[in-house]
Amino acid sequence: MVKKRWWENENVPGHISNALLRTAREVMKHVAMCQSGMSGPKYSQVYSGALSGDGAIPITIECMVATGLPKRTVVGLPGSAVRECMDRIWSAMSSTGILPPRGVLTVNLAPADVAKHGTLFDLPIALGLILADASPSGKRWPDDHACAGELSLNGHIQPVKGILPFVLAARRSGRTKILVPAGNALEASHVPGVTVYPVRTLAQAIDHVSCESRIAPFSRHRRIKERRTSRSMDVSDVVGQTYAVDALTVAAAGGHNCIMIGPPGCGKTMLAERFTGILPEWSEQLALEANCIHSLRGLLTEKGWKQERPFRSPHHTISRAGMLGGGRPIVPGEASLAHGGVLFLDEMTQFSRSVLEGLREPLESRRIVLSRLRDAVSFPAGFQLIAAINPCPCGWDRSEKKKCTCSDVQKLQYAARLSGPILDRIDMHIALLPVDPAAFQSRGESTTRELRVMVRRAIEYRKRRRQAVPNCELSGPDLESLTSSEGLDHVADVMAARALSARSRLRILRIARTCADMDGSPLVRRLDVTRAASYRRLDGVTELGMVLSEQRNRVEA
C-alpha cells in the first residue's frame, strides 16, 4: 500500500491551514503539468498607442503566457485604469465563450518609460493574450494593424477618448489598418490614408484578426471641411451697434483680440456669440488640430467631427487648471479647447487674477506648456480672445438711464482688476452705448454672410501681398514698411496727444494694416490710423466709464 503524502490526505493535521493546503496542491499540479511535456512560454505582440499631451505615442503591447501559479501582471508604467483592465478582460472573455489563459500572464507596455492612462488598452491586451495562448508558437499580429478600445463585462467594445490622435500616431508609424470601437469609427475616418474597421464585440475582433470573418471597412460620405449651412444666430439680430459690428469685422479679418465695454443689456454677449459666424473657414490642418483637442476630452459630437470653429464661454468661477489644463493625467483646458476659434470671457473682471494672468503666455505664443514633476506637455492655444466688461461694479457709470451707486474707490478697484500686461495683449477696446428703443423696430444693417464675405476679401488681399501670417502677428519693422509716411506721422501725433506706449503704437499699426486690407490699400493711410486709434479706448484710462463718455461725445459730434 502506497503511503499518501500529507497534502494528499483528506485528514490534514490541524496546524496546516487551508490556504497552505491549496497552495501546495496547486504547486504539485503545475509541476506535474510541466513534467508531462507542456510547452514553454508563449509570446505575442500587438500595436496600440498611448495619449500624451495633444497627440499620441505608438505603443507595442507584449504578452507572455507561461506555466506556473496563476498570476497576472501589467508592467510599463500603467495607470489605475490600465491595471484594472485584466478584470474587465477576464469577464469579457468568459461572456464571449473564450477560455481565459491560465498560468503566469505578463503584459509589457513598451516603451516602459512612458506613462499609460485610459481604457483604450483593453482590446489590444485581450487580443494579445488570446494570440499568445492560441498555439505554442503564438499567432503573429499583422504589422500594419493597430487597435484600441474599452471592453465591457459582456464582451462589447465601448468608445474611448483620444481616438483621433491615436489614429494619427498609428499612421505616422506606418500602420494604416486600424481597429476602433464602432462608436469612434466616424471620428477615426477623418484621418486620410488609413482604413478603419469598426469593431462592436471582442468575438468580432478575434474573427477579424484570425481571418475567419473580416470586418467591412468603414466608409464616410462627407468632406472633412464642411460648414453648417443654416445658423440660428445672425449678426442682423443685433441692432443699434453699427460701430461695434464694424470693429468686430476688423477683428475677424486681422485675428485681433478684442474687449467690449458697455452697460448691461447693450448687446456685448450677443455680438460675441455671433462672432464665430463671420470668421473665415478654417484650413484642414487647423480643423484637425482643434478636433484632436476635443477628442482628448471626448467632446466630439455624434457626427464625429466639429464642423465649425469652437466657441468656448467658461464661467467666471473657473479654476486656473480648468482654463489652462491640468489634472492627472494632464488634460487640455478651455483655452486649448478654443484653439482655432473664440474664447469668450463674459464679465472678464470677475475672473480670478491667477486665471487672467495665466492667459499671458498663450496670448503671445499661442501654446500652453504645462510642467509637472513627472511630466511636461504642450497644448495648442491659438484662440481669439473676446471679452466683455461693465464700466463699473453696478454697470451704470456715466449712464443716462440709471444712477451709478459705486464710489470712486470701487470704480478704481474695479478697473485695476485688469492688469496692464493683459490689456497690452488685447488689440482692440470697443465702447458700446445703450441701444435707442426706436432701433428695435428694424433689424441690423449687416448679416453674417455679408460680413464673412468682407472678411474673406480682406484675407485674400493680404495673401496677395504675400503675407503668410495674420496682421495680429506682424512685427514693428514689417508694419513700418507697409505704412505710408503720412500714416507714420499721424501715429506719432496720436502717441504724443494720448501719451501712448510703444506697445500701443504697435497695436495701432496692426489694426490699421487690417483696415487698409479691407479697403484694398497697399499702404496704411492716415484714415486707417485714425480708425485704428478709435479702437484703442482703454489706453491711459483710470476709470472705465470714461470710455463711454468719450464714445458718446464722438457719436454726438
Protein backbone atom coordinates (compact mmCIF):
# COMPACT_ATOMS: atom_id res chain seq x y z
CA MET A 1 0.00 0.00 0.00
CA VAL A 2 1.39 3.39 -1.11
CA LYS A 3 1.57 5.88 1.65
CA LYS A 4 -0.16 9.21 0.83
CA ARG A 5 1.69 12.45 1.30
CA TRP A 6 0.26 14.97 3.73
CA TRP A 7 -1.22 17.28 1.13
CA GLU A 8 -2.99 14.33 -0.50
CA ASN A 9 -4.52 13.10 2.74
CA GLU A 10 -8.08 14.08 3.46
CA ASN A 11 -7.40 14.26 7.20
CA VAL A 12 -4.82 17.04 7.28
CA PRO A 13 -3.21 17.93 10.58
CA GLY A 14 -4.95 20.83 12.28
CA HIS A 15 -1.91 23.09 12.27
CA ILE A 16 -1.92 23.09 8.40
CA SER A 17 -4.06 26.00 7.17
CA ASN A 18 -6.45 25.63 4.25
CA ALA A 19 -4.59 28.33 2.30
CA LEU A 20 -1.30 26.47 2.62
CA LEU A 21 -3.01 23.26 1.60
CA ARG A 22 -4.46 24.82 -1.55
CA THR A 23 -1.08 26.34 -2.44
CA ALA A 24 0.70 23.01 -2.08
CA ARG A 25 -1.82 21.27 -4.27
CA GLU A 26 -1.57 23.95 -6.98
CA VAL A 27 2.24 23.72 -6.94
CA MET A 28 2.19 19.95 -7.39
CA LYS A 29 -0.42 20.25 -10.12
CA HIS A 30 1.76 22.62 -12.17
CA VAL A 31 4.85 20.51 -11.53
CA ALA A 32 3.00 17.51 -12.91
CA MET A 33 1.90 19.54 -15.95
CA CYS A 34 5.47 20.63 -16.69
CA GLN A 35 6.77 17.06 -16.25
CA SER A 36 4.20 15.81 -18.72
CA GLY A 37 5.85 17.83 -21.51
CA MET A 38 3.79 21.02 -21.52
CA SER A 39 5.24 23.73 -23.84
CA GLY A 40 7.22 26.71 -22.58
CA PRO A 41 6.28 30.40 -22.54
CA LYS A 42 4.17 31.71 -25.43
CA TYR A 43 4.60 35.26 -26.73
CA SER A 44 2.75 37.76 -28.94
CA GLN A 45 2.86 41.44 -29.93
CA VAL A 46 0.01 43.87 -30.58
CA TYR A 47 0.32 47.52 -31.61
CA SER A 48 -1.64 50.35 -30.00
CA GLY A 49 -0.96 53.89 -28.73
CA ALA A 50 -0.79 55.98 -25.54
CA LEU A 51 -2.17 59.52 -25.27
CA SER A 52 0.44 62.15 -24.43
CA GLY A 53 -0.23 65.89 -24.50
CA ASP A 54 -2.15 66.84 -27.65
CA GLY A 55 -1.05 63.70 -29.50
CA ALA A 56 -0.28 60.02 -29.01
CA ILE A 57 2.77 57.74 -28.91
CA PRO A 58 2.91 54.33 -30.64
CA ILE A 59 2.91 51.52 -28.07
CA THR A 60 3.91 47.88 -28.51
CA ILE A 61 1.98 45.55 -26.21
CA GLU A 62 3.93 42.37 -25.44
CA CYS A 63 2.03 39.45 -23.93
CA MET A 64 3.57 36.28 -22.49
CA VAL A 65 1.77 33.21 -21.16
CA ALA A 66 3.87 30.81 -19.09
CA THR A 67 3.21 27.85 -16.80
CA GLY A 68 3.11 28.42 -13.07
CA LEU A 69 0.81 29.58 -10.34
CA PRO A 70 -1.95 31.89 -11.64
CA LYS A 71 -0.58 35.41 -11.73
CA ARG A 72 -1.46 38.45 -13.83
CA THR A 73 0.98 41.36 -14.16
CA VAL A 74 0.92 44.55 -16.24
CA VAL A 75 4.21 46.47 -16.40
CA GLY A 76 5.34 49.59 -18.25
CA LEU A 77 4.05 52.48 -16.06
CA PRO A 78 0.34 51.58 -16.26
CA GLY A 79 -2.23 53.88 -14.72
CA SER A 80 -5.01 52.71 -12.44
CA ALA A 81 -7.44 52.20 -15.36
CA VAL A 82 -4.82 50.10 -17.19
CA ARG A 83 -4.10 47.96 -14.13
CA GLU A 84 -7.81 47.22 -13.77
CA CYS A 85 -8.12 46.06 -17.37
CA MET A 86 -7.35 42.41 -16.51
CA ASP A 87 -10.62 42.09 -14.58
CA ARG A 88 -12.61 43.51 -17.49
CA ILE A 89 -10.77 41.26 -19.96
CA TRP A 90 -11.48 38.11 -17.90
CA SER A 91 -15.18 38.91 -17.67
CA ALA A 92 -15.37 39.78 -21.39
CA MET A 93 -13.66 36.51 -22.37
CA SER A 94 -15.95 34.47 -20.17
CA SER A 95 -19.04 36.20 -21.57
CA THR A 96 -17.80 35.63 -25.12
CA GLY A 97 -17.23 31.91 -24.54
CA ILE A 98 -13.44 32.11 -24.65
CA LEU A 99 -11.43 30.17 -22.08
CA PRO A 100 -9.11 32.72 -20.41
CA PRO A 101 -5.40 31.82 -20.45
CA ARG A 102 -4.08 30.14 -17.29
CA GLY A 103 -0.71 30.37 -15.61
CA VAL A 104 1.65 33.32 -15.35
CA LEU A 105 0.44 36.16 -17.58
CA THR A 106 2.77 39.11 -18.15
CA VAL A 107 1.85 42.18 -20.21
CA ASN A 108 4.52 44.77 -21.04
CA LEU A 109 3.61 48.17 -22.48
CA ALA A 110 6.67 49.36 -24.39
CA PRO A 111 8.31 51.82 -24.22
CA ALA A 112 8.17 51.27 -20.49
CA ASP A 113 9.22 54.82 -19.53
CA VAL A 114 6.03 56.42 -20.90
CA ALA A 115 3.01 56.67 -18.60
CA LYS A 116 -0.10 54.92 -19.91
CA HIS A 117 -3.57 56.08 -18.93
CA GLY A 118 -7.12 55.35 -20.05
CA THR A 119 -9.12 52.32 -21.10
CA LEU A 120 -8.09 52.12 -24.76
CA PHE A 121 -5.63 49.29 -23.92
CA ASP A 122 -8.39 46.77 -23.05
CA LEU A 123 -8.90 45.46 -26.59
CA PRO A 124 -5.20 45.18 -27.62
CA ILE A 125 -4.24 43.44 -24.36
CA ALA A 126 -7.13 40.97 -24.72
CA LEU A 127 -6.19 40.19 -28.32
CA GLY A 128 -2.52 39.82 -27.35
CA LEU A 129 -3.31 37.29 -24.63
CA ILE A 130 -5.58 35.32 -26.92
CA LEU A 131 -2.97 35.24 -29.70
CA ALA A 132 -0.24 34.17 -27.28
CA ASP A 133 -2.40 31.38 -25.88
CA ALA A 134 -3.64 30.23 -29.28
CA SER A 135 -0.70 27.98 -30.16
CA PRO A 136 2.75 27.06 -28.83
CA SER A 137 4.37 29.47 -31.27
CA GLY A 138 1.81 32.21 -30.83
CA LYS A 139 -0.13 33.74 -33.76
CA ARG A 140 1.54 36.81 -35.24
CA TRP A 141 -0.21 40.18 -35.17
CA PRO A 142 -0.17 41.96 -38.58
CA ASP A 143 2.50 44.68 -38.74
CA ASP A 144 0.18 47.15 -40.48
CA HIS A 145 -2.60 46.83 -37.85
CA ALA A 146 -3.25 48.77 -34.64
CA CYS A 147 -6.23 48.73 -32.30
CA ALA A 148 -7.77 50.46 -29.31
CA GLY A 149 -10.98 50.10 -27.34
CA GLU A 150 -12.55 49.57 -23.95
CA LEU A 151 -14.12 46.23 -23.06
CA SER A 152 -17.37 45.93 -21.17
CA LEU A 153 -18.05 42.91 -18.98
CA ASN A 154 -20.32 41.33 -21.59
CA GLY A 155 -17.70 41.49 -24.35
CA HIS A 156 -18.95 44.61 -26.13
CA ILE A 157 -16.45 47.32 -27.08
CA GLN A 158 -17.12 50.84 -25.81
CA PRO A 159 -15.92 54.14 -27.37
CA VAL A 160 -12.85 55.77 -25.85
CA LYS A 161 -11.38 59.25 -25.71
CA GLY A 162 -8.49 60.33 -27.92
CA ILE A 163 -9.14 58.11 -30.94
CA LEU A 164 -8.23 60.89 -33.40
CA PRO A 165 -4.66 61.48 -32.10
CA PHE A 166 -4.27 57.70 -31.70
CA VAL A 167 -5.05 57.09 -35.38
CA LEU A 168 -2.69 59.91 -36.42
CA ALA A 169 0.13 58.33 -34.38
CA ALA A 170 -0.58 54.91 -35.88
CA ARG A 171 -0.41 56.35 -39.39
CA ARG A 172 2.92 58.04 -38.66
CA SER A 173 4.33 54.68 -37.53
CA GLY A 174 3.24 53.01 -40.78
CA ARG A 175 0.13 51.21 -39.51
CA THR A 176 -2.74 52.04 -41.81
CA LYS A 177 -5.33 49.43 -40.79
CA ILE A 178 -6.96 50.44 -37.53
CA LEU A 179 -9.47 48.54 -35.36
CA VAL A 180 -11.52 51.01 -33.33
CA PRO A 181 -14.84 50.85 -31.45
CA ALA A 182 -17.83 51.30 -33.73
CA GLY A 183 -18.74 54.47 -31.80
CA ASN A 184 -15.39 56.05 -32.77
CA ALA A 185 -15.34 54.90 -36.41
CA LEU A 186 -16.66 58.16 -37.89
CA GLU A 187 -14.17 60.17 -35.86
CA ALA A 188 -11.25 57.99 -36.95
CA SER A 189 -12.29 58.03 -40.61
CA HIS A 190 -11.39 61.73 -40.92
CA VAL A 191 -7.71 60.82 -40.95
CA PRO A 192 -6.68 60.37 -44.60
CA GLY A 193 -4.64 57.39 -45.67
CA VAL A 194 -5.96 54.81 -43.18
CA THR A 195 -8.54 52.02 -43.32
CA VAL A 196 -10.86 51.98 -40.31
CA TYR A 197 -12.53 48.76 -39.14
CA PRO A 198 -15.44 49.35 -36.72
CA VAL A 199 -15.47 46.66 -34.01
CA ARG A 200 -18.51 46.02 -31.84
CA THR A 201 -17.57 42.92 -29.82
CA LEU A 202 -14.48 41.04 -28.74
CA ALA A 203 -15.57 37.99 -30.72
CA GLN A 204 -15.81 40.11 -33.87
CA ALA A 205 -12.27 41.41 -33.34
CA ILE A 206 -10.93 37.87 -32.83
CA ASP A 207 -12.59 36.63 -36.03
CA HIS A 208 -11.13 39.56 -37.96
CA VAL A 209 -7.57 39.02 -36.70
CA SER A 210 -7.75 35.27 -37.29
CA CYS A 211 -9.10 35.93 -40.83
CA GLU A 212 -12.18 33.80 -40.14
CA SER A 213 -14.58 36.68 -40.77
CA ARG A 214 -13.27 40.03 -41.99
CA ILE A 215 -14.91 43.28 -40.88
CA ALA A 216 -16.07 45.60 -43.66
CA PRO A 217 -14.07 48.87 -43.71
CA PHE A 218 -15.91 51.97 -42.58
CA SER A 219 -16.76 54.44 -45.36
CA ARG A 220 -17.55 58.12 -44.86
CA HIS A 221 -19.53 60.15 -47.36
CA ARG A 222 -18.83 63.69 -46.23
CA ARG A 223 -15.89 66.03 -46.67
CA ILE A 224 -13.55 66.97 -43.87
CA LYS A 225 -14.12 70.70 -44.37
CA GLU A 226 -17.82 71.25 -44.07
CA ARG A 227 -19.70 74.28 -42.77
CA ARG A 228 -23.16 74.32 -41.38
CA THR A 229 -25.47 75.88 -43.94
CA SER A 230 -28.14 77.14 -41.56
CA ARG A 231 -27.25 79.15 -38.48
CA SER A 232 -29.76 80.10 -35.83
CA MET A 233 -27.87 83.26 -34.74
CA ASP A 234 -27.16 86.08 -37.19
CA VAL A 235 -25.42 89.42 -36.72
CA SER A 236 -28.53 91.15 -38.05
CA ASP A 237 -30.20 90.23 -34.73
CA VAL A 238 -28.04 92.92 -33.06
CA VAL A 239 -29.49 96.40 -33.62
CA GLY A 240 -28.12 99.84 -32.84
CA GLN A 241 -24.46 98.74 -32.60
CA THR A 242 -23.09 99.54 -36.06
CA TYR A 243 -19.79 100.77 -34.62
CA ALA A 244 -19.25 97.56 -32.65
CA VAL A 245 -20.18 95.36 -35.64
CA ASP A 246 -17.64 97.19 -37.82
CA ALA A 247 -14.99 96.80 -35.14
CA LEU A 248 -15.60 93.06 -34.78
CA THR A 249 -15.38 92.68 -38.54
CA VAL A 250 -11.92 94.24 -38.41
CA ALA A 251 -11.02 91.91 -35.53
CA ALA A 252 -12.10 88.87 -37.55
CA ALA A 253 -10.13 89.96 -40.62
CA GLY A 254 -6.91 90.58 -38.70
CA GLY A 255 -7.16 87.99 -35.91
CA HIS A 256 -7.16 90.72 -33.25
CA ASN A 257 -8.18 90.14 -29.64
CA CYS A 258 -10.99 92.41 -28.52
CA ILE A 259 -12.63 93.66 -25.33
CA MET A 260 -16.07 95.30 -25.24
CA ILE A 261 -17.04 97.84 -22.56
CA GLY A 262 -20.66 98.75 -22.06
CA PRO A 263 -23.61 98.77 -19.63
CA PRO A 264 -25.76 95.67 -19.10
CA GLY A 265 -28.08 94.81 -21.96
CA CYS A 266 -26.27 96.71 -24.72
CA GLY A 267 -25.52 93.58 -26.78
CA LYS A 268 -21.99 92.51 -25.78
CA THR A 269 -22.84 88.83 -25.34
CA MET A 270 -24.99 88.71 -28.48
CA LEU A 271 -22.14 90.09 -30.57
CA ALA A 272 -19.65 87.63 -29.09
CA GLU A 273 -21.92 84.64 -29.74
CA ARG A 274 -22.23 85.62 -33.39
CA PHE A 275 -18.55 86.38 -33.90
CA THR A 276 -17.56 82.85 -34.99
CA GLY A 277 -20.02 83.12 -37.88
CA ILE A 278 -18.01 85.87 -39.58
CA LEU A 279 -14.65 84.14 -39.16
CA PRO A 280 -13.18 82.61 -42.33
CA GLU A 281 -13.36 78.87 -42.93
CA TRP A 282 -10.51 77.10 -41.24
CA SER A 283 -7.90 75.02 -43.02
CA GLU A 284 -7.86 71.24 -42.86
CA GLN A 285 -4.73 71.30 -40.69
CA LEU A 286 -6.28 73.72 -38.19
CA ALA A 287 -9.50 71.71 -38.12
CA LEU A 288 -7.52 68.53 -37.45
CA GLU A 289 -5.61 70.14 -34.56
CA ALA A 290 -8.80 71.50 -32.96
CA ASN A 291 -10.66 68.21 -33.30
CA CYS A 292 -7.74 66.34 -31.74
CA ILE A 293 -8.08 68.51 -28.63
CA HIS A 294 -11.82 67.86 -28.46
CA SER A 295 -11.19 64.14 -29.00
CA LEU A 296 -8.88 64.06 -25.96
CA ARG A 297 -11.75 65.37 -23.85
CA GLY A 298 -14.38 63.18 -25.54
CA LEU A 299 -16.32 66.24 -26.73
CA LEU A 300 -16.81 65.39 -30.39
CA THR A 301 -20.44 65.17 -31.36
CA GLU A 302 -22.24 62.19 -32.87
CA LYS A 303 -21.09 63.43 -36.26
CA GLY A 304 -17.57 62.57 -35.17
CA TRP A 305 -16.19 65.91 -36.32
CA LYS A 306 -16.53 69.53 -35.26
CA GLN A 307 -17.55 71.37 -38.41
CA GLU A 308 -17.43 74.95 -37.11
CA ARG A 309 -14.82 76.89 -35.22
CA PRO A 310 -15.24 76.32 -31.47
CA PHE A 311 -16.82 78.91 -29.21
CA ARG A 312 -15.93 78.45 -25.54
CA SER A 313 -17.51 80.60 -22.84
CA PRO A 314 -16.31 79.41 -19.40
CA HIS A 315 -17.97 80.58 -16.19
CA HIS A 316 -16.10 83.22 -14.21
CA THR A 317 -15.63 80.78 -11.30
CA ILE A 318 -13.40 78.52 -13.40
CA SER A 319 -10.10 77.48 -11.83
CA ARG A 320 -6.65 78.01 -13.31
CA ALA A 321 -6.39 74.30 -14.16
CA GLY A 322 -9.80 74.39 -15.82
CA MET A 323 -8.74 77.30 -18.01
CA LEU A 324 -5.18 76.26 -18.88
CA GLY A 325 -5.35 72.48 -18.37
CA GLY A 326 -4.19 70.12 -15.65
CA GLY A 327 -5.20 67.07 -13.68
CA ARG A 328 -3.70 63.60 -13.74
CA PRO A 329 -3.31 62.66 -16.46
CA ILE A 330 -2.98 66.20 -17.79
CA VAL A 331 -5.95 67.18 -19.98
CA PRO A 332 -6.45 70.36 -22.04
CA GLY A 333 -8.38 73.27 -20.56
CA GLU A 334 -10.79 75.81 -22.02
CA ALA A 335 -8.00 77.83 -23.64
CA SER A 336 -6.91 74.82 -25.70
CA LEU A 337 -10.49 73.76 -26.45
CA ALA A 338 -10.93 77.19 -28.07
CA HIS A 339 -7.98 76.56 -30.42
CA GLY A 340 -8.88 77.80 -33.88
CA GLY A 341 -11.97 79.58 -32.54
CA VAL A 342 -13.10 82.04 -29.89
CA LEU A 343 -12.55 82.18 -26.15
CA PHE A 344 -15.25 84.46 -24.73
CA LEU A 345 -14.78 85.83 -21.21
CA ASP A 346 -18.07 87.38 -20.15
CA GLU A 347 -17.63 89.72 -17.18
CA MET A 348 -13.87 89.41 -17.52
CA THR A 349 -13.21 91.41 -14.36
CA GLN A 350 -14.98 88.71 -12.30
CA PHE A 351 -12.43 86.04 -13.23
CA SER A 352 -9.74 85.36 -10.66
CA ARG A 353 -6.45 87.19 -11.09
CA SER A 354 -4.45 83.97 -11.43
CA VAL A 355 -6.68 82.76 -14.28
CA LEU A 356 -6.34 86.01 -16.24
CA GLU A 357 -2.60 86.25 -15.69
CA GLY A 358 -2.24 82.64 -16.82
CA LEU A 359 -3.50 83.72 -20.25
CA ARG A 360 -0.48 85.95 -20.87
CA GLU A 361 1.72 83.29 -22.48
CA PRO A 362 -0.93 81.67 -24.73
CA LEU A 363 -1.99 85.10 -25.98
CA GLU A 364 1.58 85.66 -27.19
CA SER A 365 2.91 82.20 -28.11
CA ARG A 366 -0.46 80.57 -28.96
CA ARG A 367 0.56 77.46 -26.99
CA ILE A 368 0.29 76.30 -23.38
CA VAL A 369 3.15 74.39 -21.75
CA LEU A 370 2.25 72.60 -18.51
CA SER A 371 5.19 71.30 -16.49
CA ARG A 372 4.68 68.89 -13.62
CA LEU A 373 7.07 66.83 -11.50
CA ARG A 374 6.79 63.73 -13.68
CA ASP A 375 5.51 65.12 -16.93
CA ALA A 376 5.52 68.16 -19.22
CA VAL A 377 3.02 68.53 -22.05
CA SER A 378 2.20 71.20 -24.60
CA PHE A 379 -1.23 72.05 -25.97
CA PRO A 380 -2.10 74.42 -28.84
CA ALA A 381 -3.97 77.56 -27.79
CA GLY A 382 -4.42 79.60 -30.95
CA PHE A 383 -7.68 81.18 -29.87
CA GLN A 384 -9.06 84.65 -30.46
CA LEU A 385 -9.99 86.35 -27.18
CA ILE A 386 -13.27 88.24 -26.99
CA ALA A 387 -14.03 89.77 -23.58
CA ALA A 388 -16.91 91.78 -22.18
CA ILE A 389 -16.92 94.03 -19.09
CA ASN A 390 -19.15 96.60 -17.45
CA PRO A 391 -17.89 100.13 -16.80
CA CYS A 392 -18.21 99.68 -13.03
CA PRO A 393 -19.42 97.09 -10.48
CA CYS A 394 -23.07 98.14 -10.81
CA GLY A 395 -22.72 98.64 -14.57
CA TRP A 396 -24.23 102.13 -14.86
CA ASP A 397 -21.30 104.52 -14.60
CA ARG A 398 -21.81 107.65 -16.80
CA SER A 399 -25.19 106.25 -17.85
CA GLU A 400 -28.13 108.47 -18.79
CA LYS A 401 -30.68 105.77 -17.83
CA LYS A 402 -29.75 104.82 -14.27
CA LYS A 403 -27.75 106.37 -11.49
CA CYS A 404 -24.47 104.70 -10.60
CA THR A 405 -24.23 103.52 -6.98
CA CYS A 406 -20.47 102.86 -6.95
CA SER A 407 -17.97 105.01 -5.11
CA ASP A 408 -14.83 106.37 -6.75
CA VAL A 409 -12.71 103.84 -4.86
CA GLN A 410 -14.86 100.95 -6.08
CA LYS A 411 -14.52 102.16 -9.67
CA LEU A 412 -10.75 102.37 -9.41
CA GLN A 413 -10.51 98.94 -7.82
CA TYR A 414 -12.79 97.50 -10.49
CA ALA A 415 -10.65 98.89 -13.33
CA ALA A 416 -7.47 97.68 -11.59
CA ARG A 417 -8.61 94.06 -11.91
CA LEU A 418 -7.40 94.20 -15.50
CA SER A 419 -3.62 94.34 -15.31
CA GLY A 420 -1.51 96.26 -17.77
CA PRO A 421 0.14 93.17 -19.29
CA ILE A 422 -3.26 91.64 -20.08
CA LEU A 423 -4.62 94.83 -21.66
CA ASP A 424 -1.42 95.18 -23.69
CA ARG A 425 -2.17 91.81 -25.27
CA ILE A 426 -5.69 92.84 -26.31
CA ASP A 427 -5.53 94.82 -29.53
CA MET A 428 -8.98 96.39 -29.67
CA HIS A 429 -11.04 98.16 -26.98
CA ILE A 430 -14.62 98.84 -28.10
CA ALA A 431 -17.15 101.00 -26.27
CA LEU A 432 -20.85 100.13 -26.59
CA LEU A 433 -23.58 102.61 -25.69
CA PRO A 434 -27.16 101.68 -24.68
CA VAL A 435 -29.42 100.97 -27.64
CA ASP A 436 -32.08 103.51 -28.59
CA PRO A 437 -35.54 101.87 -28.17
CA ALA A 438 -36.53 103.09 -31.64
CA ALA A 439 -33.80 100.91 -33.17
CA PHE A 440 -35.68 97.73 -32.23
CA GLN A 441 -38.27 98.44 -34.92
CA SER A 442 -35.86 97.10 -37.56
CA ARG A 443 -33.08 94.54 -37.93
CA GLY A 444 -29.37 95.19 -38.13
CA GLU A 445 -27.78 96.63 -41.23
CA SER A 446 -25.42 93.71 -41.96
CA THR A 447 -25.87 89.95 -42.00
CA THR A 448 -23.38 87.28 -41.03
CA ARG A 449 -22.93 86.19 -44.64
CA GLU A 450 -22.17 89.73 -45.83
CA LEU A 451 -19.60 90.28 -43.09
CA ARG A 452 -17.99 86.91 -43.78
CA VAL A 453 -17.53 87.92 -47.41
CA MET A 454 -15.84 91.16 -46.31
CA VAL A 455 -13.51 89.24 -44.01
CA ARG A 456 -12.66 86.73 -46.73
CA ARG A 457 -11.83 89.53 -49.18
CA ALA A 458 -9.51 91.21 -46.69
CA ILE A 459 -7.67 87.93 -46.03
CA GLU A 460 -7.37 87.20 -49.76
CA TYR A 461 -5.90 90.67 -50.30
CA ARG A 462 -3.39 90.03 -47.50
CA LYS A 463 -2.36 86.78 -49.15
CA ARG A 464 -1.95 88.56 -52.49
CA ARG A 465 0.52 90.82 -50.73
CA ARG A 466 2.40 87.57 -49.97
CA GLN A 467 1.93 87.91 -46.23
CA ALA A 468 1.55 84.48 -44.65
CA VAL A 469 0.84 85.45 -41.03
CA PRO A 470 -2.25 87.39 -39.91
CA ASN A 471 -1.87 91.08 -39.15
CA CYS A 472 -2.08 90.49 -35.41
CA GLU A 473 1.34 88.77 -35.57
CA LEU A 474 3.23 91.36 -37.65
CA SER A 475 6.41 92.86 -36.16
CA GLY A 476 7.27 96.55 -35.95
CA PRO A 477 9.72 96.74 -38.89
CA ASP A 478 7.29 94.89 -41.18
CA LEU A 479 4.47 97.25 -40.25
CA GLU A 480 6.53 100.37 -40.86
CA SER A 481 7.44 99.14 -44.34
CA LEU A 482 3.72 98.74 -45.06
CA THR A 483 2.77 102.21 -43.77
CA SER A 484 2.94 105.46 -45.70
CA SER A 485 4.92 108.43 -44.37
CA GLU A 486 1.64 110.24 -43.78
CA GLY A 487 0.41 107.34 -41.68
CA LEU A 488 3.62 107.18 -39.61
CA ASP A 489 3.44 110.92 -38.90
CA HIS A 490 -0.15 110.59 -37.75
CA VAL A 491 0.78 107.67 -35.46
CA ALA A 492 3.44 109.89 -33.85
CA ASP A 493 0.86 112.65 -33.32
CA VAL A 494 -1.59 110.23 -31.70
CA MET A 495 1.12 108.89 -29.38
CA ALA A 496 2.08 112.38 -28.27
CA ALA A 497 -1.52 113.52 -27.75
CA ARG A 498 -2.56 110.45 -25.71
CA ALA A 499 0.82 109.59 -24.11
CA LEU A 500 0.78 106.07 -25.55
CA SER A 501 3.46 103.43 -25.08
CA ALA A 502 5.48 101.70 -27.80
CA ARG A 503 3.34 98.58 -27.38
CA SER A 504 0.18 100.63 -28.02
CA ARG A 505 1.80 102.06 -31.15
CA LEU A 506 2.44 98.53 -32.42
CA ARG A 507 -1.19 97.54 -31.77
CA ILE A 508 -2.50 100.62 -33.61
CA LEU A 509 -0.34 99.87 -36.65
CA ARG A 510 -1.54 96.26 -36.72
CA ILE A 511 -5.19 97.31 -36.63
CA ALA A 512 -4.54 99.99 -39.25
CA ARG A 513 -2.97 97.39 -41.53
CA THR A 514 -6.18 95.33 -41.29
CA CYS A 515 -8.30 98.40 -42.07
CA ALA A 516 -6.16 99.02 -45.15
CA ASP A 517 -6.60 95.40 -46.27
CA MET A 518 -10.37 95.75 -46.00
CA ASP A 519 -10.22 98.79 -48.29
CA GLY A 520 -7.71 97.15 -50.66
CA SER A 521 -4.96 99.69 -49.95
CA PRO A 522 -1.31 98.56 -50.32
CA LEU A 523 -0.12 101.08 -47.70
CA VAL A 524 -1.58 102.19 -44.37
CA ARG A 525 -3.05 105.68 -44.77
CA ARG A 526 -3.84 108.44 -42.31
CA LEU A 527 -7.51 107.42 -42.40
CA ASP A 528 -6.59 103.87 -41.39
CA VAL A 529 -4.55 105.12 -38.42
CA THR A 530 -7.42 107.32 -37.24
CA ARG A 531 -9.82 104.42 -37.42
CA ALA A 532 -7.40 102.11 -35.62
CA ALA A 533 -6.79 104.65 -32.83
CA SER A 534 -10.55 104.80 -32.20
CA TYR A 535 -10.40 101.09 -31.32
CA ARG A 536 -7.87 101.68 -28.51
CA ARG A 537 -10.15 103.23 -25.88
CA LEU A 538 -8.53 101.95 -22.69
CA ASP A 539 -5.05 103.44 -23.19
CA GLY A 540 -4.33 105.75 -20.26
CA VAL A 541 -7.84 105.40 -18.77
CA THR A 542 -8.20 105.04 -14.98
CA GLU A 543 -12.00 104.68 -14.91
CA LEU A 544 -13.79 102.50 -17.45
CA GLY A 545 -16.76 104.84 -17.52
CA MET A 546 -14.61 107.49 -19.19
CA VAL A 547 -14.56 105.31 -22.30
CA LEU A 548 -18.34 105.53 -22.60
CA SER A 549 -18.28 109.31 -22.20
CA GLU A 550 -15.72 109.65 -24.97
CA GLN A 551 -17.76 107.38 -27.23
CA ARG A 552 -20.95 109.34 -26.52
CA ASN A 553 -19.21 112.62 -27.37
CA ARG A 554 -17.85 111.09 -30.56
CA VAL A 555 -21.30 109.90 -31.66
CA GLU A 556 -22.93 113.25 -30.87
CA ALA A 557 -20.20 115.10 -32.78
